[in-house]
Amino acid sequence: MSCVHYKFSSKLNYDTVTFDGLHISLCDLKKQIMGREKLKAADCDLQITNAQTKEEYTDDNALIPKNSSVIVRRIPIGGVKSTSKTYVISRTEPVMGTSKAVCKNTISHFFYTLLLPL
């Protein structure tokens, strides 16, 4: 029985996928990982990278040798889309002195009520 060790980039420990033969196709490895991790193919795809060489496997027919270690990342089905839109959020600044005046009045009123004899 052969195996490939995999871990998600956010995890510390490796898990293992076992198979027969000297290598496993990228497509079969993804299916096994998705099954073990209870991921749905409709929700995301997996990006598989060799842990030692940092080579990303992109061809579903690529063969991954037994005893390899890979890093797995979940990615959206359509891949990561870059947006060229820029959003500008305008904020209105408070009028200078207003918040300080309110704060001073509140504090002085508070101390004034404490100092009044009952």
Protein backbone atom coordinates (compact mmCIF):
# COMPACT_ATOMS: atom_id res chain seq x y z
CA MET A 1 0.00 0.00 0.00
CA SER A 2 1.39 3.40 -1.03
CA CYS A 3 0.56 6.77 0.48
CA VAL A 4 0.73 10.53 -0.01
CA HIS A 5 0.91 12.83 3.01
CA TYR A 6 -1.18 15.99 2.82
CA LYS A 7 -1.98 18.93 5.03
CA PHE A 8 -4.00 22.06 4.63
CA SER A 9 -1.88 25.19 4.76
CA SER A 10 -3.69 26.30 7.92
CA LYS A 11 -3.01 23.05 9.80
CA LEU A 12 0.09 21.78 11.56
CA ASN A 13 -0.16 18.02 11.07
CA TYR A 14 -0.19 15.85 7.98
CA ASP A 15 -2.89 13.30 7.16
CA THR A 16 -2.42 10.35 4.81
CA VAL A 17 -4.16 9.11 1.68
CA THR A 18 -3.44 5.48 0.75
CA PHE A 19 -3.61 3.92 -2.71
CA ASP A 20 -2.28 1.02 -4.76
CA GLY A 21 0.62 1.56 -7.16
CA LEU A 22 3.64 3.80 -7.45
CA HIS A 23 1.75 7.07 -7.98
CA ILE A 24 -1.69 8.67 -7.84
CA SER A 25 -3.22 11.10 -10.31
CA LEU A 26 -3.98 14.61 -9.12
CA CYS A 27 -7.67 14.06 -9.87
CA ASP A 28 -7.81 10.90 -7.71
CA LEU A 29 -5.87 12.58 -4.89
CA LYS A 30 -8.31 15.50 -4.85
CA LYS A 31 -11.27 13.10 -4.76
CA GLN A 32 -9.81 11.17 -1.84
CA ILE A 33 -8.94 14.32 0.13
CA MET A 34 -12.41 15.79 -0.48
CA GLY A 35 -13.98 12.54 0.67
CA ARG A 36 -11.87 12.33 3.82
CA GLU A 37 -12.43 16.00 4.70
CA LYS A 38 -16.14 15.91 3.77
CA LEU A 39 -15.82 18.72 1.23
CA LYS A 40 -18.26 19.14 -1.65
CA ALA A 41 -16.90 19.49 -5.17
CA ALA A 42 -19.62 22.08 -5.87
CA ASP A 43 -18.35 24.35 -3.09
CA CYS A 44 -14.63 24.55 -3.80
CA ASP A 45 -11.64 23.13 -5.63
CA LEU A 46 -8.30 22.09 -4.18
CA GLN A 47 -4.94 23.58 -5.04
CA ILE A 48 -2.21 20.98 -4.51
CA THR A 49 1.45 21.99 -4.11
CA ASN A 50 4.48 19.77 -3.51
CA ALA A 51 5.68 20.55 0.02
CA GLN A 52 9.38 20.15 -0.82
CA THR A 53 9.71 21.68 -4.30
CA LYS A 54 6.78 24.17 -4.01
CA GLU A 55 5.67 23.02 -7.47
CA GLU A 56 1.93 23.43 -8.00
CA TYR A 57 0.17 20.53 -9.67
CA THR A 58 -2.29 21.93 -12.24
CA ASP A 59 -2.93 19.06 -14.67
CA ASP A 60 -5.55 16.61 -13.35
CA ASN A 61 -3.64 13.81 -15.09
CA ALA A 62 -0.35 14.67 -13.35
CA LEU A 63 1.08 11.76 -11.40
CA ILE A 64 2.14 12.31 -7.81
CA PRO A 65 4.73 9.77 -6.60
CA LYS A 66 4.11 7.65 -3.52
CA ASN A 67 5.47 8.96 -0.21
CA SER A 68 5.17 12.57 -1.43
CA SER A 69 4.08 15.38 0.88
CA VAL A 70 1.72 18.02 -0.44
CA ILE A 71 0.13 21.22 0.80
CA VAL A 72 -3.60 21.66 0.11
CA ARG A 73 -5.50 24.93 -0.21
CA ARG A 74 -9.22 25.35 -0.78
CA ILE A 75 -10.02 27.76 -3.59
CA PRO A 76 -13.31 28.96 -5.10
CA ILE A 77 -14.59 26.95 -8.08
CA GLY A 78 -13.90 29.71 -10.61
CA GLY A 79 -10.48 30.44 -9.10
CA VAL A 80 -9.56 33.70 -7.43
CA LYS A 81 -10.87 36.62 -9.42
CA SER A 82 -9.12 39.94 -9.17
CA THR A 83 -11.36 42.95 -9.18
CA SER A 84 -10.39 46.21 -10.80
CA LYS A 85 -13.09 48.14 -8.99
CA THR A 86 -12.03 50.64 -6.36
CA TYR A 87 -14.46 51.56 -3.66
CA VAL A 88 -14.21 54.92 -1.93
CA ILE A 89 -15.97 55.29 1.35
CA SER A 90 -16.45 58.88 2.45
CA ARG A 91 -16.67 59.69 6.10
CA THR A 92 -17.84 62.92 7.58
CA GLU A 93 -15.54 64.16 10.27
CA PRO A 94 -17.11 65.55 13.46
CA VAL A 95 -17.10 69.31 13.89
CA MET A 96 -14.03 70.32 15.87
CA GLY A 97 -14.72 70.95 19.54
CA THR A 98 -18.23 69.53 19.60
CA SER A 99 -17.40 66.20 21.18
CA LYS A 100 -15.02 67.80 23.69
CA ALA A 101 -17.63 70.35 24.75
CA VAL A 102 -20.26 67.66 25.26
CA CYS A 103 -17.80 65.55 27.22
CA LYS A 104 -16.76 68.47 29.45
CA ASN A 105 -20.36 69.47 30.09
CA THR A 106 -21.30 65.89 31.01
CA ILE A 107 -18.35 65.48 33.36
CA SER A 108 -18.85 68.86 35.05
CA HIS A 109 -22.58 68.11 35.48
CA PHE A 110 -21.69 64.74 37.01
CA PHE A 111 -19.28 66.29 39.55
CA TYR A 112 -21.69 69.14 40.23
CA THR A 113 -24.42 66.67 41.22
CA LEU A 114 -21.96 64.84 43.50
CA LEU A 115 -21.00 68.01 45.31
CA LEU A 116 -24.54 69.19 46.01
CA PRO A 117 -25.72 68.45 49.53
CA LEU A 118 -28.73 66.23 49.75
